[in-house]
N, C-alpha and C. Protein backbone atom coordinates (compact mmCIF):
# COMPACT_ATOMS: atom_id res chain seq x y z
N UNK A 1 -6.68 1.81 19.64
CA UNK A 1 -6.70 1.47 18.04
C UNK A 1 -5.13 1.46 17.69
N UNK A 2 -4.97 0.32 16.95
CA UNK A 2 -3.74 -0.17 16.48
C UNK A 2 -2.83 0.82 15.15
N UNK A 3 -1.53 0.56 15.31
CA UNK A 3 -1.04 1.26 13.76
C UNK A 3 -1.53 0.70 12.54
N UNK A 4 -0.87 1.38 11.50
CA UNK A 4 -0.96 0.58 10.03
C UNK A 4 -0.14 -0.89 9.99
N UNK A 5 1.09 -0.70 10.85
CA UNK A 5 2.04 -1.89 10.55
C UNK A 5 1.14 -2.85 11.39
N UNK A 6 0.77 -2.31 12.93
CA UNK A 6 0.25 -3.32 13.87
C UNK A 6 -1.31 -4.09 13.19
N UNK A 7 -2.26 -3.29 12.77
CA UNK A 7 -3.02 -3.79 12.05
C UNK A 7 -3.09 -4.80 10.96
N UNK A 8 -2.21 -4.66 10.01
CA UNK A 8 -1.58 -5.58 9.13
C UNK A 8 -1.11 -6.76 9.69
N UNK A 9 -0.57 -6.67 10.98
CA UNK A 9 0.12 -7.72 11.84
C UNK A 9 -1.50 -8.64 11.77
N UNK A 10 -1.98 -8.15 12.67
CA UNK A 10 -2.71 -8.98 13.18
C UNK A 10 -4.20 -9.57 12.26
N UNK A 11 -4.19 -9.07 11.02
CA UNK A 11 -5.14 -9.46 9.76
C UNK A 11 -4.73 -10.64 9.22
N UNK A 12 -3.28 -10.98 9.65
CA UNK A 12 -2.71 -12.23 9.03
C UNK A 12 -2.43 -12.97 7.40
N UNK A 13 -2.71 -11.55 6.56
CA UNK A 13 -2.77 -11.77 5.35
C UNK A 13 -1.72 -10.91 4.96
N UNK A 14 -0.90 -10.12 5.11
CA UNK A 14 -0.05 -9.22 4.90
C UNK A 14 1.47 -9.46 5.10
N UNK A 15 1.73 -10.84 5.42
CA UNK A 15 3.01 -11.23 5.48
C UNK A 15 4.11 -10.83 4.93
N UNK A 16 3.74 -10.95 3.50
CA UNK A 16 4.82 -10.20 2.69
C UNK A 16 4.97 -8.94 2.62
N UNK A 17 3.82 -8.31 2.48
CA UNK A 17 3.68 -6.71 2.99
C UNK A 17 5.04 -6.40 4.12
N UNK A 18 4.82 -6.70 5.35
CA UNK A 18 5.21 -6.73 6.23
C UNK A 18 6.90 -6.82 6.23
N UNK A 19 6.88 -8.07 5.61
CA UNK A 19 8.81 -8.25 5.66
C UNK A 19 9.29 -7.33 4.69
N UNK A 20 8.10 -6.98 3.39
CA UNK A 20 8.96 -6.13 2.49
C UNK A 20 9.17 -4.65 2.92
N UNK A 21 8.46 -4.27 4.14
CA UNK A 21 8.46 -3.11 4.99
C UNK A 21 9.46 -2.88 5.30
N UNK A 22 9.89 -4.28 6.35
CA UNK A 22 11.09 -4.40 6.85
C UNK A 22 12.54 -4.37 5.87
N UNK A 23 12.28 -4.83 5.23
CA UNK A 23 13.51 -5.21 4.18
C UNK A 23 13.84 -3.56 3.75
N UNK A 24 12.47 -3.19 3.54
CA UNK A 24 13.16 -2.02 2.87
C UNK A 24 13.48 -0.30 3.96
N UNK A 25 13.44 -1.01 4.73
CA UNK A 25 13.83 0.07 6.17
C UNK A 25 13.01 0.95 6.31
N UNK A 26 11.04 0.28 6.21
CA UNK A 26 10.14 2.30 6.82
C UNK A 26 9.26 1.41 7.23
N UNK A 27 10.19 0.44 8.49
CA UNK A 27 9.20 0.30 9.53
C UNK A 27 8.88 1.27 10.48
N UNK A 28 9.96 2.25 10.87
CA UNK A 28 9.90 3.44 11.58
C UNK A 28 9.00 4.68 11.07
N UNK A 29 9.20 4.54 10.04
CA UNK A 29 8.12 5.85 9.07
C UNK A 29 6.91 5.23 9.03
N UNK A 30 6.52 3.90 8.76
CA UNK A 30 4.69 3.52 8.59
C UNK A 30 4.94 3.43 10.24
N UNK A 31 5.13 3.22 11.15
CA UNK A 31 4.77 3.49 12.55
C UNK A 31 4.51 4.69 13.23
N UNK A 32 5.40 5.75 12.61
CA UNK A 32 5.19 6.92 12.56
C UNK A 32 3.69 7.78 12.88
N UNK A 33 3.83 8.75 13.03
CA UNK A 33 2.41 9.80 13.19
C UNK A 33 1.48 9.93 12.03
N UNK A 34 2.24 9.99 10.75
CA UNK A 34 1.37 10.27 9.63
C UNK A 34 0.78 11.50 9.63
N UNK A 35 -0.62 11.43 9.17
CA UNK A 35 -1.35 10.47 8.81
C UNK A 35 -1.19 9.76 7.36
N UNK A 36 -1.29 8.70 6.97
CA UNK A 36 -1.08 7.86 5.71
C UNK A 36 -2.12 7.12 5.23
N UNK A 37 -2.37 7.15 3.90
CA UNK A 37 -3.10 6.29 3.49
C UNK A 37 -2.59 5.21 2.56
N UNK A 38 -2.61 3.74 2.98
CA UNK A 38 -2.08 2.73 2.38
C UNK A 38 -3.02 1.95 1.37
N UNK A 39 -2.38 1.42 0.26
CA UNK A 39 -3.22 0.49 -0.31
C UNK A 39 -2.32 -0.45 -0.24
N UNK A 40 -2.82 -1.46 0.50
CA UNK A 40 -1.98 -2.39 1.13
C UNK A 40 -2.20 -3.82 0.21
N UNK A 41 -1.27 -4.10 -0.07
CA UNK A 41 -1.57 -5.66 -1.13
C UNK A 41 -1.54 -6.77 -0.31
N UNK A 42 -2.48 -8.01 -0.48
CA UNK A 42 -2.40 -9.23 0.37
C UNK A 42 -1.62 -10.11 -0.15
N UNK A 43 -1.21 -11.14 0.78
CA UNK A 43 -0.07 -11.85 0.14
C UNK A 43 -0.23 -12.56 -1.05
N UNK A 44 -1.24 -13.12 -1.24
CA UNK A 44 -1.96 -13.40 -2.65
C UNK A 44 -1.37 -12.50 -4.34
N UNK A 45 -1.19 -11.60 -3.56
CA UNK A 45 -0.63 -9.92 -4.68
C UNK A 45 0.93 -10.22 -4.99
N UNK A 46 1.09 -10.18 -4.12
CA UNK A 46 2.75 -10.72 -3.68
C UNK A 46 3.20 -11.92 -4.46
N UNK A 47 2.49 -13.06 -4.44
CA UNK A 47 2.33 -14.30 -4.62
C UNK A 47 2.21 -14.54 -6.55
N UNK A 48 1.10 -13.56 -7.15
CA UNK A 48 1.00 -13.30 -8.44
C UNK A 48 2.01 -12.51 -9.04
N UNK A 49 2.98 -12.16 -8.63
CA UNK A 49 4.40 -11.51 -9.22
C UNK A 49 5.22 -12.82 -9.84
N UNK A 50 5.42 -12.43 -11.15
CA UNK A 50 6.58 -13.40 -11.44
C UNK A 50 7.57 -14.06 -10.47
N UNK A 51 7.83 -15.21 -10.84
CA UNK A 51 8.53 -16.19 -10.05
C UNK A 51 9.99 -15.31 -9.52
N UNK A 52 10.28 -15.07 -8.40
CA UNK A 52 11.88 -14.34 -7.95
C UNK A 52 11.68 -12.81 -8.13
N UNK A 53 10.63 -12.35 -8.12
CA UNK A 53 10.21 -10.79 -8.12
C UNK A 53 10.73 -10.29 -6.74
N UNK A 54 9.81 -11.32 -6.14
CA UNK A 54 10.07 -10.41 -4.61
C UNK A 54 11.63 -10.81 -3.83
N UNK A 55 12.17 -11.68 -4.12
CA UNK A 55 13.41 -11.83 -3.72
C UNK A 55 14.18 -10.82 -4.22
N UNK A 56 14.30 -10.67 -5.73
CA UNK A 56 15.01 -9.69 -6.36
C UNK A 56 14.80 -8.37 -5.98
N UNK A 57 13.67 -7.86 -5.35
CA UNK A 57 13.26 -6.38 -4.64
C UNK A 57 14.10 -6.73 -3.13
N UNK A 58 13.93 -7.62 -2.60
CA UNK A 58 14.21 -7.65 -1.09
C UNK A 58 15.69 -7.38 -1.22
N UNK A 59 16.57 -7.88 -2.34
CA UNK A 59 18.01 -7.71 -2.42
C UNK A 59 18.11 -6.39 -3.01
N UNK A 60 17.28 -5.52 -3.20
CA UNK A 60 17.66 -4.47 -3.76
C UNK A 60 16.70 -3.29 -2.99
N UNK A 61 17.18 -2.87 -1.54
CA UNK A 61 16.34 -1.82 -1.09
C UNK A 61 15.63 -0.68 -1.29
N UNK A 62 16.64 0.10 -1.88
CA UNK A 62 16.24 1.31 -2.67
C UNK A 62 14.88 0.81 -3.46
N UNK A 63 15.26 0.01 -4.68
CA UNK A 63 13.78 -0.52 -5.51
C UNK A 63 12.85 -0.87 -4.67
N UNK A 64 12.84 -1.47 -3.88
CA UNK A 64 12.09 -1.91 -3.25
C UNK A 64 11.28 -0.98 -2.02
N UNK A 65 12.00 0.16 -1.49
CA UNK A 65 11.51 1.19 -1.04
C UNK A 65 10.55 2.06 -1.64
N UNK A 66 11.04 2.09 -2.95
CA UNK A 66 10.31 3.03 -4.03
C UNK A 66 9.13 2.50 -4.48
N UNK A 67 8.98 0.80 -4.78
CA UNK A 67 7.66 0.35 -4.62
C UNK A 67 6.43 0.64 -4.09
N UNK A 68 7.24 0.44 -2.52
CA UNK A 68 6.13 0.29 -1.23
C UNK A 68 6.30 1.95 -0.96
N UNK A 69 6.66 2.73 -1.37
CA UNK A 69 6.06 4.48 -1.23
C UNK A 69 4.86 4.49 -2.11
N UNK A 70 4.98 4.02 -3.65
CA UNK A 70 4.24 4.18 -4.69
C UNK A 70 2.95 3.65 -3.61
N UNK A 71 2.77 2.58 -2.90
CA UNK A 71 1.92 2.45 -2.60
C UNK A 71 0.81 3.37 -1.08
N UNK A 72 1.64 4.35 -1.12
CA UNK A 72 1.17 5.11 -0.02
C UNK A 72 1.26 6.86 -0.46
N UNK A 73 0.08 7.30 0.46
CA UNK A 73 -0.30 8.67 -0.01
C UNK A 73 -0.39 9.45 1.39
N UNK A 74 0.48 10.53 1.27
CA UNK A 74 0.02 11.34 2.68
C UNK A 74 -1.07 11.68 3.01
N UNK A 75 -1.72 11.72 4.31
CA UNK A 75 -3.09 12.24 4.67
C UNK A 75 -4.02 10.93 4.72
N UNK A 76 -4.85 11.04 5.36
CA UNK A 76 -5.86 10.24 5.86
C UNK A 76 -6.97 10.51 5.22
N UNK A 77 -7.01 9.23 3.99
CA UNK A 77 -8.39 9.83 3.24
C UNK A 77 -8.58 8.24 2.71
N UNK A 78 -10.34 8.78 3.24
CA UNK A 78 -11.22 7.44 2.82
C UNK A 78 -11.78 7.17 1.40
N UNK A 79 -12.28 5.90 0.96
CA UNK A 79 -12.74 5.67 0.12
C UNK A 79 -13.18 7.16 -0.83
N UNK A 80 -14.43 7.70 -0.45
CA UNK A 80 -15.32 8.51 -1.00
C UNK A 80 -14.47 9.85 -0.99
N UNK A 81 -13.08 10.06 -0.45
CA UNK A 81 -12.15 11.35 -0.56
C UNK A 81 -11.73 10.93 -2.29
N UNK A 82 -11.13 9.69 -1.99
CA UNK A 82 -10.14 9.41 -2.93
C UNK A 82 -10.41 9.12 -4.33
N UNK A 83 -12.25 9.23 -4.60
CA UNK A 83 -12.61 8.87 -5.65
C UNK A 83 -12.77 10.20 -6.19
N UNK A 84 -12.70 10.83 -5.19
CA UNK A 84 -13.49 12.72 -5.72
C UNK A 84 -12.56 13.04 -6.64
N UNK A 85 -10.71 12.05 -7.01
CA UNK A 85 -10.10 12.45 -8.16
C UNK A 85 -10.02 11.69 -9.08
N UNK A 86 -9.18 11.94 -9.82
CA UNK A 86 -8.63 10.87 -11.02
C UNK A 86 -7.36 10.38 -10.61
N UNK A 87 -6.67 11.05 -9.83
CA UNK A 87 -5.31 10.59 -9.60
C UNK A 87 -4.70 11.27 -8.29
N UNK A 88 -4.17 10.63 -7.54
CA UNK A 88 -3.10 11.17 -6.36
C UNK A 88 -1.65 11.20 -6.61
N UNK A 89 -1.06 11.86 -5.90
CA UNK A 89 0.37 11.72 -5.90
C UNK A 89 0.82 11.03 -4.66
N UNK A 90 1.78 9.79 -5.01
CA UNK A 90 1.87 8.86 -4.02
C UNK A 90 3.24 9.70 -3.61
N UNK A 91 3.51 8.73 -2.43
CA UNK A 91 5.07 9.13 -1.32
C UNK A 91 6.18 9.35 -2.27
N UNK A 92 6.20 8.29 -3.26
CA UNK A 92 7.25 7.69 -4.04
C UNK A 92 7.50 8.99 -5.13
N UNK A 93 6.51 9.54 -5.49
CA UNK A 93 6.26 11.10 -6.01
C UNK A 93 5.77 10.66 -7.35
N UNK A 94 5.43 9.21 -7.97
CA UNK A 94 4.68 9.25 -9.26
C UNK A 94 2.92 9.15 -8.95
N UNK A 95 1.93 10.01 -9.79
CA UNK A 95 0.64 9.81 -9.47
C UNK A 95 -0.01 8.13 -9.74
N UNK A 96 -0.91 7.82 -8.91
CA UNK A 96 -1.31 7.19 -8.79
C UNK A 96 -3.06 7.32 -9.22
N UNK A 97 -3.44 6.59 -10.62
CA UNK A 97 -4.51 6.61 -11.40
C UNK A 97 -5.76 5.85 -10.59
N UNK A 98 -6.88 6.79 -10.44
CA UNK A 98 -7.86 6.37 -9.41
C UNK A 98 -9.28 5.57 -10.50
N UNK A 99 -9.52 4.71 -10.57
CA UNK A 99 -10.64 4.15 -11.16
C UNK A 99 -12.13 4.62 -10.19
N UNK A 100 -12.48 5.79 -10.74
CA UNK A 100 -14.05 6.32 -9.66
C UNK A 100 -15.10 5.66 -9.64
N UNK A 101 -15.03 4.56 -10.59
CA UNK A 101 -16.29 3.83 -10.56
C UNK A 101 -16.40 2.52 -10.31
N UNK A 102 -17.54 2.00 -9.86
CA UNK A 102 -17.35 0.34 -9.40
C UNK A 102 -16.77 -0.32 -10.19
N UNK A 103 -15.84 -1.31 -10.02
CA UNK A 103 -15.03 -1.48 -8.98
C UNK A 103 -14.17 -0.48 -8.42
N UNK A 104 -13.91 -0.19 -7.34
CA UNK A 104 -13.03 1.09 -6.78
C UNK A 104 -11.63 0.74 -7.46
N UNK A 105 -10.76 1.09 -7.92
CA UNK A 105 -9.73 0.34 -8.40
C UNK A 105 -8.47 1.60 -7.99
N UNK A 106 -7.52 1.55 -7.79
CA UNK A 106 -6.04 2.02 -8.06
C UNK A 106 -5.13 1.56 -9.03
N UNK A 107 -5.04 2.05 -9.90
CA UNK A 107 -4.23 1.93 -10.99
C UNK A 107 -4.53 0.64 -11.75
N UNK A 108 -4.08 -0.78 -11.49
CA UNK A 108 -4.56 -2.14 -12.02
C UNK A 108 -4.61 -2.84 -10.78
N UNK A 109 -5.44 -2.55 -9.87
CA UNK A 109 -5.43 -3.03 -8.23
C UNK A 109 -6.96 -2.83 -7.98
N UNK A 110 -7.64 -3.86 -7.83
CA UNK A 110 -8.87 -3.26 -7.02
C UNK A 110 -9.13 -3.54 -5.91
N UNK A 111 -9.59 -2.83 -4.86
CA UNK A 111 -9.53 -2.38 -3.85
C UNK A 111 -10.72 -3.52 -3.02
N UNK A 112 -10.23 -4.37 -2.64
CA UNK A 112 -11.08 -5.67 -2.25
C UNK A 112 -11.84 -5.41 -0.58
N UNK A 113 -11.72 -4.16 0.29
CA UNK A 113 -12.02 -4.04 1.71
C UNK A 113 -11.33 -2.38 1.78
N UNK A 114 -12.06 -1.36 1.62
CA UNK A 114 -11.74 -0.16 2.08
C UNK A 114 -12.07 0.40 3.29
N UNK A 115 -11.31 1.81 3.97
CA UNK A 115 -11.28 2.14 5.03
C UNK A 115 -11.98 1.33 6.33
N UNK A 116 -10.08 1.02 6.12
CA UNK A 116 -9.80 0.44 7.94
C UNK A 116 -8.93 1.51 8.40
N UNK A 117 -9.80 1.93 9.71
CA UNK A 117 -9.09 3.13 10.09
C UNK A 117 -8.15 2.64 11.22
N UNK A 118 -6.78 3.06 10.90
CA UNK A 118 -5.67 2.99 12.08
C UNK A 118 -5.26 4.35 13.22
N UNK A 119 -4.80 3.48 14.29
CA UNK A 119 -4.26 5.00 14.82
C UNK A 119 -3.49 6.33 13.96
N UNK A 120 -2.61 5.87 13.12
CA UNK A 120 -2.17 6.84 12.03
C UNK A 120 -2.54 6.77 10.49
N UNK A 121 -3.61 6.57 10.42
CA UNK A 121 -4.13 6.49 8.83
C UNK A 121 -5.39 5.52 8.27
N UNK A 122 -5.30 5.53 7.19
CA UNK A 122 -6.55 4.17 6.79
C UNK A 122 -5.65 3.21 5.36
N UNK A 123 -6.07 2.28 5.92
CA UNK A 123 -5.56 1.31 4.81
C UNK A 123 -6.95 0.77 4.26
N UNK A 124 -6.42 0.44 2.58
CA UNK A 124 -7.56 0.05 1.98
C UNK A 124 -6.98 -0.86 1.30
N UNK A 125 -7.23 -2.48 1.30
CA UNK A 125 -6.99 -3.40 0.94
C UNK A 125 -6.92 -3.66 -0.59
N UNK A 126 -5.68 -4.14 -1.12
CA UNK A 126 -5.61 -4.49 -2.77
C UNK A 126 -5.55 -5.75 -3.15
N UNK A 127 -5.95 -6.25 -4.20
CA UNK A 127 -5.30 -7.78 -5.03
C UNK A 127 -3.99 -7.69 -5.49
N UNK A 128 -3.56 -6.72 -5.85
CA UNK A 128 -2.48 -6.76 -6.68
C UNK A 128 -1.41 -5.76 -6.29
N UNK A 129 0.12 -6.03 -6.15
CA UNK A 129 1.11 -4.64 -6.02
C UNK A 129 0.83 -3.87 -7.28
N UNK A 130 0.84 -2.71 -6.97
CA UNK A 130 0.87 -1.50 -7.91
C UNK A 130 2.49 -1.22 -8.20
N UNK A 131 2.75 -1.21 -9.49
CA UNK A 131 4.03 -0.45 -9.91
C UNK A 131 4.30 1.01 -10.46
N UNK A 132 5.03 2.02 -9.73
CA UNK A 132 5.02 3.49 -10.88
C UNK A 132 5.09 3.23 -12.11
N UNK A 133 4.79 4.53 -12.72
CA UNK A 133 5.34 4.11 -14.51
C UNK A 133 4.24 3.72 -15.29
């Protein structure tokens, strides 16, 4: 079984996320043992951000790291466990609100594919980049 980042690379629709993880110097952390639950925005989610946003974040690695950590929860959590609570604390430190009914949403993003199991955690694919605050 592949790691979270290997799984993302093989999927082919997380190129911006993988580049952002590298720019924020979080690769070794996400390749680590974990386990992690990751809400992974697809490339189209990053493309939907206002023009210049991604480049601005890449130029500010601490802010980029903060946003990326907001997409991660410590532990191995499947959809059924996530929807058991109204919010979860992200690795960034801010709570991520959960819409517990259909459609399954985290903050303002819809989970388009849930429960992708990896060696060091689980991935839930989302259609938007979520921001703390």
